[in-house]
C-alpha atoms as a PDB file:
ATOM      1  CA  MET A   1      -8.703  82.055 181.803  1.00  0.00           C
ATOM      2  CA  GLN A   2      -5.333  80.515 181.138  1.00  0.00           C
ATOM      3  CA  PHE A   3      -3.994  80.861 177.599  1.00  0.00           C
ATOM      4  CA  ARG A   4      -1.187  78.792 176.062  1.00  0.00           C
ATOM      5  CA  HIS A   5       0.007  78.625 172.477  1.00  0.00           C
ATOM      6  CA  GLU A   6       3.115  76.975 171.004  1.00  0.00           C
ATOM      7  CA  GLN A   7       4.770  77.827 167.724  1.00  0.00           C
ATOM      8  CA  SER A   8       7.558  75.699 166.275  1.00  0.00           C
ATOM      9  CA  TYR A   9      10.219  76.661 163.775  1.00  0.00           C
ATOM     10  CA  ASP A  10      12.838  74.657 161.902  1.00  0.00           C
ATOM     11  CA  ALA A  11      15.642  77.039 162.825  1.00  0.00           C
ATOM     12  CA  PRO A  12      18.034  77.601 165.736  1.00  0.00           C
ATOM     13  CA  ALA A  13      16.826  79.833 168.585  1.00  0.00           C
ATOM     14  CA  ASP A  14      19.212  82.673 167.690  1.00  0.00           C
ATOM     15  CA  ARG A  15      17.671  82.930 164.188  1.00  0.00           C
ATOM     16  CA  VAL A  16      14.165  82.950 165.658  1.00  0.00           C
ATOM     17  CA  HIS A  17      15.211  85.738 168.027  1.00  0.00           C
ATOM     18  CA  GLU A  18      16.697  87.726 165.118  1.00  0.00           C
ATOM     19  CA  MET A  19      13.387  87.345 163.285  1.00  0.00           C
ATOM     20  CA  LEU A  20      11.391  88.521 166.324  1.00  0.00           C
ATOM     21  CA  ALA A  21      13.747  91.518 166.622  1.00  0.00           C
ATOM     22  CA  ASP A  22      13.195  92.589 163.011  1.00  0.00           C
ATOM     23  CA  PRO A  23      10.571  95.348 162.541  1.00  0.00           C
ATOM     24  CA  ASP A  24       9.976  94.218 158.947  1.00  0.00           C
ATOM     25  CA  PHE A  25       8.958  90.760 160.175  1.00  0.00           C
ATOM     26  CA  ARG A  26       6.551  92.287 162.692  1.00  0.00           C
ATOM     27  CA  LYS A  27       5.016  94.525 160.003  1.00  0.00           C
ATOM     28  CA  ARG A  28       4.635  91.571 157.652  1.00  0.00           C
ATOM     29  CA  VAL A  29       2.769  89.689 160.389  1.00  0.00           C
ATOM     30  CA  CYS A  30       0.438  92.680 160.898  1.00  0.00           C
ATOM     31  CA  ALA A  31      -0.293  92.789 157.172  1.00  0.00           C
ATOM     32  CA  ALA A  32      -1.011  89.046 157.082  1.00  0.00           C
ATOM     33  CA  GLN A  33      -3.352  89.464 160.069  1.00  0.00           C
ATOM     34  CA  LYS A  34      -5.250  92.080 158.015  1.00  0.00           C
ATOM     35  CA  ALA A  35      -4.320  95.044 160.210  1.00  0.00           C
ATOM     36  CA  THR A  36      -5.472  98.354 158.735  1.00  0.00           C
ATOM     37  CA  ALA A  37      -2.712 100.206 160.616  1.00  0.00           C
ATOM     38  CA  CYS A  38       0.438  98.972 162.343  1.00  0.00           C
ATOM     39  CA  THR A  39       3.256 100.703 164.194  1.00  0.00           C
ATOM     40  CA  VAL A  40       6.252  98.693 165.388  1.00  0.00           C
ATOM     41  CA  SER A  41       8.879  99.850 167.871  1.00  0.00           C
ATOM     42  CA  ILE A  42      11.850  97.654 168.804  1.00  0.00           C
ATOM     43  CA  GLU A  43      14.488  99.053 171.154  1.00  0.00           C
ATOM     44  CA  PRO A  44      17.541  97.235 172.530  1.00  0.00           C
ATOM     45  CA  ASP A  45      17.430  96.909 176.315  1.00  0.00           C
ATOM     46  CA  GLY A  46      20.543  95.388 177.887  1.00  0.00           C
ATOM     47  CA  ALA A  47      20.711  91.726 176.859  1.00  0.00           C
ATOM     48  CA  GLY A  48      17.123  91.916 175.631  1.00  0.00           C
ATOM     49  CA  MET A  49      14.804  94.288 173.841  1.00  0.00           C
ATOM     50  CA  SER A  50      11.551  96.148 174.270  1.00  0.00           C
ATOM     51  CA  VAL A  51       8.950  95.546 171.555  1.00  0.00           C
ATOM     52  CA  THR A  52       5.671  97.361 170.980  1.00  0.00           C
ATOM     53  CA  VAL A  53       3.284  96.449 168.171  1.00  0.00           C
ATOM     54  CA  ASP A  54       0.309  98.815 167.994  1.00  0.00           C
ATOM     55  CA  GLN A  55      -2.242  97.800 165.393  1.00  0.00           C
ATOM     56  CA  LYS A  56      -5.828  98.287 164.308  1.00  0.00           C
ATOM     57  CA  ARG A  57      -7.957  95.544 162.804  1.00  0.00           C
ATOM     58  CA  PRO A  58     -11.495  95.479 161.483  1.00  0.00           C
ATOM     59  CA  SER A  59     -13.920  93.607 163.718  1.00  0.00           C
ATOM     60  CA  ASP A  60     -15.384  91.698 160.751  1.00  0.00           C
ATOM     61  CA  GLY A  61     -16.374  88.178 161.700  1.00  0.00           C
ATOM     62  CA  ILE A  62     -16.756  88.934 165.399  1.00  0.00           C
ATOM     63  CA  PRO A  63     -20.160  87.945 166.830  1.00  0.00           C
ATOM     64  CA  GLY A  64     -22.672  90.758 167.323  1.00  0.00           C
ATOM     65  CA  PHE A  65     -22.573  90.654 171.125  1.00  0.00           C
ATOM     66  CA  ALA A  66     -18.813  91.314 171.074  1.00  0.00           C
ATOM     67  CA  ARG A  67     -18.942  93.835 168.240  1.00  0.00           C
ATOM     68  CA  LYS A  68     -21.234  96.011 170.381  1.00  0.00           C
ATOM     69  CA  ILE A  69     -18.367  96.243 172.880  1.00  0.00           C
ATOM     70  CA  VAL A  70     -15.391  96.690 170.526  1.00  0.00           C
ATOM     71  CA  GLY A  71     -16.986  98.581 167.644  1.00  0.00           C
ATOM     72  CA  ASP A  72     -16.087  98.324 163.944  1.00  0.00           C
ATOM     73  CA  GLU A  73     -12.348  98.417 164.557  1.00  0.00           C
ATOM     74  CA  ILE A  74     -10.175  96.955 167.301  1.00  0.00           C
ATOM     75  CA  ARG A  75      -6.927  98.545 168.476  1.00  0.00           C
ATOM     76  CA  ILE A  76      -4.525  95.987 169.941  1.00  0.00           C
ATOM     77  CA  VAL A  77      -1.289  96.935 171.712  1.00  0.00           C
ATOM     78  CA  GLN A  78       1.236  94.156 172.268  1.00  0.00           C
ATOM     79  CA  ARG A  79       4.223  94.842 174.527  1.00  0.00           C
ATOM     80  CA  GLU A  80       7.116  92.444 174.994  1.00  0.00           C
ATOM     81  CA  ASP A  81       9.949  93.103 177.435  1.00  0.00           C
ATOM     82  CA  TRP A  82      12.691  90.628 176.609  1.00  0.00           C
ATOM     83  CA  SER A  83      15.216  90.078 179.423  1.00  0.00           C
ATOM     84  CA  ASP A  84      17.404  88.076 177.020  1.00  0.00           C
ATOM     85  CA  GLN A  85      16.956  86.141 173.771  1.00  0.00           C
ATOM     86  CA  ASN A  86      14.844  83.462 175.426  1.00  0.00           C
ATOM     87  CA  LYS A  87      12.296  85.099 177.728  1.00  0.00           C
ATOM     88  CA  ALA A  88       9.906  88.021 177.642  1.00  0.00           C
ATOM     89  CA  VAL A  89       7.114  89.454 179.726  1.00  0.00           C
ATOM     90  CA  LEU A  90       4.067  89.905 177.474  1.00  0.00           C
ATOM     91  CA  THR A  91       1.142  92.298 177.808  1.00  0.00           C
ATOM     92  CA  VAL A  92      -1.626  92.556 175.220  1.00  0.00           C
ATOM     93  CA  THR A  93      -4.237  95.255 175.759  1.00  0.00           C
ATOM     94  CA  ILE A  94      -7.221  96.640 173.901  1.00  0.00           C
ATOM     95  CA  PRO A  95      -7.035 100.307 174.940  1.00  0.00           C
ATOM     96  CA  GLY A  96     -10.304 101.637 176.283  1.00  0.00           C
ATOM     97  CA  LYS A  97     -11.779  98.141 176.541  1.00  0.00           C
ATOM     98  CA  PRO A  98     -11.905  95.862 179.611  1.00  0.00           C
ATOM     99  CA  GLY A  99      -9.646  93.044 178.449  1.00  0.00           C
ATOM    100  CA  GLU A 100      -5.980  92.095 178.562  1.00  0.00           C
ATOM    101  CA  LEU A 101      -3.508  89.241 178.455  1.00  0.00           C
ATOM    102  CA  ASN A 102      -0.573  89.187 180.870  1.00  0.00           C
ATOM    103  CA  GLY A 103       2.004  86.477 180.472  1.00  0.00           C
ATOM    104  CA  THR A 104       5.334  85.355 179.139  1.00  0.00           C
ATOM    105  CA  ILE A 105       7.010  84.292 175.925  1.00  0.00           C
ATOM    106  CA  THR A 106       9.748  81.674 176.023  1.00  0.00           C
ATOM    107  CA  VAL A 107      11.936  80.624 173.131  1.00  0.00           C
ATOM    108  CA  VAL A 108      13.661  77.254 173.535  1.00  0.00           C
ATOM    109  CA  GLY A 109      15.945  75.830 170.896  1.00  0.00           C
ATOM    110  CA  ASP A 110      17.145  72.287 170.376  1.00  0.00           C
ATOM    111  CA  GLY A 111      19.607  72.305 167.505  1.00  0.00           C
ATOM    112  CA  ASN A 112      17.758  73.359 164.362  1.00  0.00           C
ATOM    113  CA  ARG A 113      14.319  73.315 165.999  1.00  0.00           C
ATOM    114  CA  THR A 114      12.895  76.068 168.185  1.00  0.00           C
ATOM    115  CA  VAL A 115       9.638  76.290 170.107  1.00  0.00           C
ATOM    116  CA  GLU A 116       8.161  79.653 171.070  1.00  0.00           C
ATOM    117  CA  THR A 117       5.580  79.357 173.853  1.00  0.00           C
ATOM    118  CA  ILE A 118       3.113  82.048 174.849  1.00  0.00           C
ATOM    119  CA  ASP A 119       1.600  81.536 178.311  1.00  0.00           C
ATOM    120  CA  GLY A 120      -0.720  83.976 179.964  1.00  0.00           C
ATOM    121  CA  ASP A 121      -3.736  84.940 181.952  1.00  0.00           C
ATOM    122  CA  LEU A 122      -6.520  86.330 179.763  1.00  0.00           C
ATOM    123  CA  ARG A 123      -9.052  88.539 181.557  1.00  0.00           C
ATOM    124  CA  VAL A 124     -12.151  90.418 180.448  1.00  0.00           C
ATOM    125  CA  SER A 125     -13.764  92.401 183.257  1.00  0.00           C
ATOM    126  CA  ILE A 126     -17.379  92.471 182.112  1.00  0.00           C
ATOM    127  CA  PRO A 127     -20.030  90.863 184.321  1.00  0.00           C
ATOM    128  CA  VAL A 128     -21.947  87.988 182.725  1.00  0.00           C
ATOM    129  CA  LEU A 129     -20.185  88.216 179.314  1.00  0.00           C
ATOM    130  CA  GLY A 130     -16.577  88.098 180.585  1.00  0.00           C
ATOM    131  CA  ALA A 131     -16.035  84.343 180.270  1.00  0.00           C
ATOM    132  CA  LYS A 132     -17.667  84.213 176.830  1.00  0.00           C
ATOM    133  CA  LEU A 133     -15.490  87.116 175.627  1.00  0.00           C
ATOM    134  CA  GLU A 134     -12.345  85.513 177.098  1.00  0.00           C
ATOM    135  CA  GLN A 135     -13.034  82.370 175.054  1.00  0.00           C
ATOM    136  CA  LEU A 136     -13.633  84.418 171.904  1.00  0.00           C
ATOM    137  CA  ILE A 137     -10.437  86.437 172.419  1.00  0.00           C
ATOM    138  CA  ALA A 138      -8.444  83.251 173.087  1.00  0.00           C
ATOM    139  CA  GLU A 139      -9.668  81.805 169.774  1.00  0.00           C
ATOM    140  CA  LEU A 140      -8.878  85.011 167.869  1.00  0.00           C
ATOM    141  CA  LEU A 141      -5.452  85.279 169.508  1.00  0.00           C
ATOM    142  CA  GLY A 142      -4.701  81.654 168.663  1.00  0.00           C
ATOM    143  CA  GLU A 143      -5.649  82.288 165.022  1.00  0.00           C
ATOM    144  CA  ALA A 144      -3.447  85.416 164.931  1.00  0.00           C
ATOM    145  CA  LEU A 145      -0.511  83.446 166.367  1.00  0.00           C
ATOM    146  CA  ASP A 146      -1.040  80.708 163.763  1.00  0.00           C
ATOM    147  CA  VAL A 147      -0.689  83.399 161.084  1.00  0.00           C
ATOM    148  CA  GLU A 148       2.484  84.673 162.797  1.00  0.00           C
ATOM    149  CA  GLN A 149       3.919  81.149 162.783  1.00  0.00           C
ATOM    150  CA  GLU A 150       3.133  80.748 159.071  1.00  0.00           C
ATOM    151  CA  ILE A 151       4.848  84.050 158.253  1.00  0.00           C
ATOM    152  CA  GLY A 152       7.745  83.108 160.546  1.00  0.00           C
ATOM    153  CA  ARG A 153       8.329  79.806 158.816  1.00  0.00           C
ATOM    154  CA  SER A 154       8.376  81.551 155.426  1.00  0.00           C
ATOM    155  CA  TRP A 155      10.647  84.290 156.790  1.00  0.00           C
ATOM    156  CA  LEU A 156      13.138  81.766 158.183  1.00  0.00           C
ATOM    157  CA  ALA A 157      13.081  79.930 154.827  1.00  0.00           C
ATOM    158  CA  GLY A 158      14.245  83.172 153.170  1.00  0.00           C
ATOM    159  CA  GLU A 159      10.912  84.366 151.769  1.00  0.00           C
ATOM    160  CA  ARG A 160      10.920  88.056 152.576  1.00  0.00           C
END
């Protein structure tokens, strides 16, 4: 299934990129998303950067049919390969489970307003339940990105 989510910030694109390149911001997002463990790695790579956020979250609130597949805790690995400050290739996996998101992140600024767009193809390779799980994951991912946007807006306003 196709996944798309937009996040807007009242800040120039270079400030949004600085925020996304800050490990403390990424850790704060993990904490706000109720991760029980979170490791963040951000390495410069030419004009861009390579980002890995590896986190574990409880599966509380996930319907029983999905919980049977993921267990009591979900490990999520998010990789972003930024070619520059405005574009990244995104991969989100659930190691050991048959689901992933492959896509892009774009950051477009217009003066003091910036929009970050996540586009991707969300796939769960489980017969019969795949489509239902894709919809569930899309909803959970959208909620997680809403939390990231909330933290980002506070971060850009100086609340750290």
